[in-house]
Amino acid sequence: MKRTASLFTLIILMLATPAFAHPGHDHSAANSGLIHLLWLIPVIVAAVIVVFKEITGSDAGTDKTNRRG
């Protein structure tokens, strides 16, 4: 998991910064907040899934070790 996060971070850092702010990127538009939120929703959902799996995975491992002992 740590290797995947490191690889993803490296790829993001290697992207050219002009790709993030193209000429049509207008932050003063009325719906720009909504559009940015829609772009962030998949990131938020992925983060929630990862955290949920970490929490449930660690709880399940604890229960298994307690049953053996």
N, C-alpha and C. Protein backbone atom coordinates (compact mmCIF):
# COMPACT_ATOMS: atom_id res chain seq x y z
N MET A 1 0.82 -1.19 0.00
CA MET A 1 0.00 0.00 0.00
C MET A 1 0.86 1.26 0.00
N LYS A 2 1.93 1.22 0.80
CA LYS A 2 2.81 2.39 0.88
C LYS A 2 3.52 2.62 -0.45
N ARG A 3 3.87 1.54 -1.13
CA ARG A 3 4.54 1.66 -2.42
C ARG A 3 3.61 2.27 -3.46
N THR A 4 2.34 1.88 -3.43
CA THR A 4 1.36 2.42 -4.37
C THR A 4 1.16 3.92 -4.14
N ALA A 5 1.06 4.33 -2.89
CA ALA A 5 0.90 5.75 -2.58
C ALA A 5 2.12 6.54 -3.01
N SER A 6 3.30 5.99 -2.80
CA SER A 6 4.53 6.67 -3.21
C SER A 6 4.60 6.81 -4.73
N LEU A 7 4.22 5.75 -5.44
CA LEU A 7 4.24 5.78 -6.89
C LEU A 7 3.23 6.80 -7.42
N PHE A 8 2.04 6.84 -6.83
CA PHE A 8 1.02 7.81 -7.24
C PHE A 8 1.51 9.23 -7.00
N THR A 9 2.12 9.48 -5.86
CA THR A 9 2.65 10.81 -5.55
C THR A 9 3.73 11.21 -6.54
N LEU A 10 4.61 10.30 -6.87
CA LEU A 10 5.67 10.58 -7.83
C LEU A 10 5.10 10.92 -9.20
N ILE A 11 4.09 10.20 -9.64
CA ILE A 11 3.48 10.46 -10.94
C ILE A 11 2.83 11.84 -10.95
N ILE A 12 2.13 12.18 -9.87
CA ILE A 12 1.48 13.49 -9.79
C ILE A 12 2.53 14.61 -9.83
N LEU A 13 3.63 14.43 -9.14
CA LEU A 13 4.67 15.46 -9.12
C LEU A 13 5.35 15.62 -10.46
N MET A 14 5.36 14.57 -11.27
CA MET A 14 6.01 14.63 -12.57
C MET A 14 5.14 15.29 -13.65
N LEU A 15 3.84 15.44 -13.38
CA LEU A 15 2.97 16.07 -14.36
C LEU A 15 3.32 17.55 -14.51
N ALA A 16 3.14 18.05 -15.68
CA ALA A 16 3.43 19.46 -15.93
C ALA A 16 2.38 20.34 -15.25
N THR A 17 2.81 21.39 -14.60
CA THR A 17 1.87 22.27 -13.90
C THR A 17 0.92 23.02 -14.85
N PRO A 18 1.30 23.35 -16.09
CA PRO A 18 0.31 24.00 -16.96
C PRO A 18 -0.92 23.13 -17.23
N ALA A 19 -0.80 21.84 -17.08
CA ALA A 19 -1.95 20.96 -17.29
C ALA A 19 -3.01 21.17 -16.22
N PHE A 20 -2.61 21.67 -15.07
CA PHE A 20 -3.56 21.90 -13.99
C PHE A 20 -4.33 23.21 -14.15
N ALA A 21 -3.79 24.16 -14.90
CA ALA A 21 -4.45 25.45 -15.08
C ALA A 21 -4.43 25.84 -16.55
N HIS A 22 -5.31 25.26 -17.31
CA HIS A 22 -5.40 25.56 -18.73
C HIS A 22 -6.08 26.92 -18.93
N PRO A 23 -6.03 27.50 -20.12
CA PRO A 23 -6.57 28.84 -20.35
C PRO A 23 -8.06 28.98 -20.00
N GLY A 24 -8.83 27.93 -20.10
CA GLY A 24 -10.26 28.02 -19.82
C GLY A 24 -10.61 27.77 -18.37
N HIS A 25 -9.62 27.73 -17.52
CA HIS A 25 -9.82 27.42 -16.10
C HIS A 25 -10.19 28.70 -15.35
N ASP A 26 -11.49 28.93 -15.21
CA ASP A 26 -11.97 30.19 -14.63
C ASP A 26 -12.52 29.94 -13.23
N HIS A 27 -11.83 30.46 -12.21
CA HIS A 27 -12.27 30.28 -10.83
C HIS A 27 -13.34 31.28 -10.42
N SER A 28 -13.60 32.27 -11.24
CA SER A 28 -14.60 33.26 -10.88
C SER A 28 -15.98 32.93 -11.44
N ALA A 29 -16.11 31.84 -12.15
CA ALA A 29 -17.41 31.44 -12.70
C ALA A 29 -18.34 31.04 -11.56
N ALA A 30 -19.63 31.17 -11.80
CA ALA A 30 -20.62 30.89 -10.76
C ALA A 30 -20.63 29.42 -10.34
N ASN A 31 -20.39 28.53 -11.26
CA ASN A 31 -20.45 27.10 -10.95
C ASN A 31 -19.09 26.44 -10.77
N SER A 32 -18.03 27.22 -10.62
CA SER A 32 -16.69 26.63 -10.51
C SER A 32 -16.53 25.82 -9.22
N GLY A 33 -17.16 26.27 -8.14
CA GLY A 33 -17.09 25.51 -6.89
C GLY A 33 -17.71 24.14 -7.03
N LEU A 34 -18.85 24.07 -7.70
CA LEU A 34 -19.53 22.79 -7.91
C LEU A 34 -18.70 21.87 -8.79
N ILE A 35 -18.12 22.42 -9.83
CA ILE A 35 -17.31 21.60 -10.74
C ILE A 35 -16.09 21.04 -10.01
N HIS A 36 -15.44 21.84 -9.18
CA HIS A 36 -14.28 21.35 -8.43
C HIS A 36 -14.70 20.30 -7.41
N LEU A 37 -15.87 20.47 -6.79
CA LEU A 37 -16.37 19.47 -5.86
C LEU A 37 -16.64 18.15 -6.57
N LEU A 38 -17.21 18.22 -7.76
CA LEU A 38 -17.48 17.00 -8.52
C LEU A 38 -16.18 16.28 -8.89
N TRP A 39 -15.11 17.02 -9.13
CA TRP A 39 -13.82 16.40 -9.40
C TRP A 39 -13.23 15.76 -8.15
N LEU A 40 -13.54 16.32 -6.98
CA LEU A 40 -12.98 15.79 -5.73
C LEU A 40 -13.76 14.61 -5.16
N ILE A 41 -15.01 14.43 -5.55
CA ILE A 41 -15.82 13.35 -4.98
C ILE A 41 -15.16 11.98 -5.15
N PRO A 42 -14.62 11.60 -6.31
CA PRO A 42 -13.98 10.28 -6.41
C PRO A 42 -12.78 10.13 -5.47
N VAL A 43 -12.04 11.21 -5.25
CA VAL A 43 -10.89 11.16 -4.33
C VAL A 43 -11.39 10.94 -2.91
N ILE A 44 -12.44 11.64 -2.53
CA ILE A 44 -13.01 11.50 -1.19
C ILE A 44 -13.55 10.09 -0.99
N VAL A 45 -14.26 9.57 -1.96
CA VAL A 45 -14.81 8.21 -1.86
C VAL A 45 -13.69 7.19 -1.75
N ALA A 46 -12.64 7.33 -2.54
CA ALA A 46 -11.51 6.40 -2.47
C ALA A 46 -10.84 6.46 -1.10
N ALA A 47 -10.68 7.66 -0.55
CA ALA A 47 -10.07 7.79 0.78
C ALA A 47 -10.93 7.14 1.85
N VAL A 48 -12.24 7.29 1.76
CA VAL A 48 -13.15 6.67 2.73
C VAL A 48 -13.06 5.15 2.63
N ILE A 49 -12.99 4.62 1.43
CA ILE A 49 -12.89 3.17 1.25
C ILE A 49 -11.59 2.65 1.84
N VAL A 50 -10.49 3.33 1.59
CA VAL A 50 -9.20 2.89 2.12
C VAL A 50 -9.21 2.92 3.65
N VAL A 51 -9.72 3.99 4.22
CA VAL A 51 -9.77 4.09 5.69
C VAL A 51 -10.68 3.02 6.26
N PHE A 52 -11.83 2.79 5.63
CA PHE A 52 -12.75 1.75 6.10
C PHE A 52 -12.11 0.37 6.06
N LYS A 53 -11.39 0.06 4.98
CA LYS A 53 -10.72 -1.24 4.88
C LYS A 53 -9.62 -1.37 5.91
N GLU A 54 -8.90 -0.28 6.18
CA GLU A 54 -7.86 -0.32 7.20
C GLU A 54 -8.46 -0.58 8.58
N ILE A 55 -9.57 0.07 8.88
CA ILE A 55 -10.20 -0.09 10.18
C ILE A 55 -10.76 -1.49 10.34
N THR A 56 -11.50 -1.95 9.35
CA THR A 56 -12.11 -3.28 9.46
C THR A 56 -11.06 -4.38 9.35
N GLY A 57 -10.02 -4.17 8.59
CA GLY A 57 -8.95 -5.16 8.47
C GLY A 57 -8.18 -5.33 9.77
N SER A 58 -7.91 -4.24 10.45
CA SER A 58 -7.16 -4.32 11.70
C SER A 58 -8.03 -4.91 12.81
N ASP A 59 -9.34 -4.62 12.82
CA ASP A 59 -10.24 -5.20 13.82
C ASP A 59 -10.39 -6.69 13.61
N ALA A 60 -10.49 -7.12 12.36
CA ALA A 60 -10.64 -8.54 12.08
C ALA A 60 -9.38 -9.30 12.49
N GLY A 61 -8.21 -8.71 12.27
CA GLY A 61 -6.96 -9.36 12.67
C GLY A 61 -6.85 -9.49 14.16
N THR A 62 -7.33 -8.51 14.90
CA THR A 62 -7.30 -8.56 16.36
C THR A 62 -8.22 -9.66 16.88
N ASP A 63 -9.41 -9.79 16.27
CA ASP A 63 -10.35 -10.81 16.71
C ASP A 63 -9.78 -12.21 16.47
N LYS A 64 -9.10 -12.43 15.36
CA LYS A 64 -8.53 -13.73 15.07
C LYS A 64 -7.44 -14.10 16.07
N THR A 65 -6.62 -13.13 16.42
CA THR A 65 -5.55 -13.44 17.38
C THR A 65 -6.12 -13.69 18.77
N ASN A 66 -7.21 -13.01 19.12
CA ASN A 66 -7.82 -13.23 20.43
C ASN A 66 -8.50 -14.60 20.51
N ARG A 67 -9.02 -15.10 19.41
CA ARG A 67 -9.67 -16.42 19.40
C ARG A 67 -8.65 -17.54 19.56
N ARG A 68 -7.47 -17.36 19.01
CA ARG A 68 -6.44 -18.40 19.10
C ARG A 68 -5.90 -18.52 20.52
N GLY A 69 -5.79 -17.39 21.20
CA GLY A 69 -5.15 -17.35 22.52
C GLY A 69 -6.09 -17.75 23.57
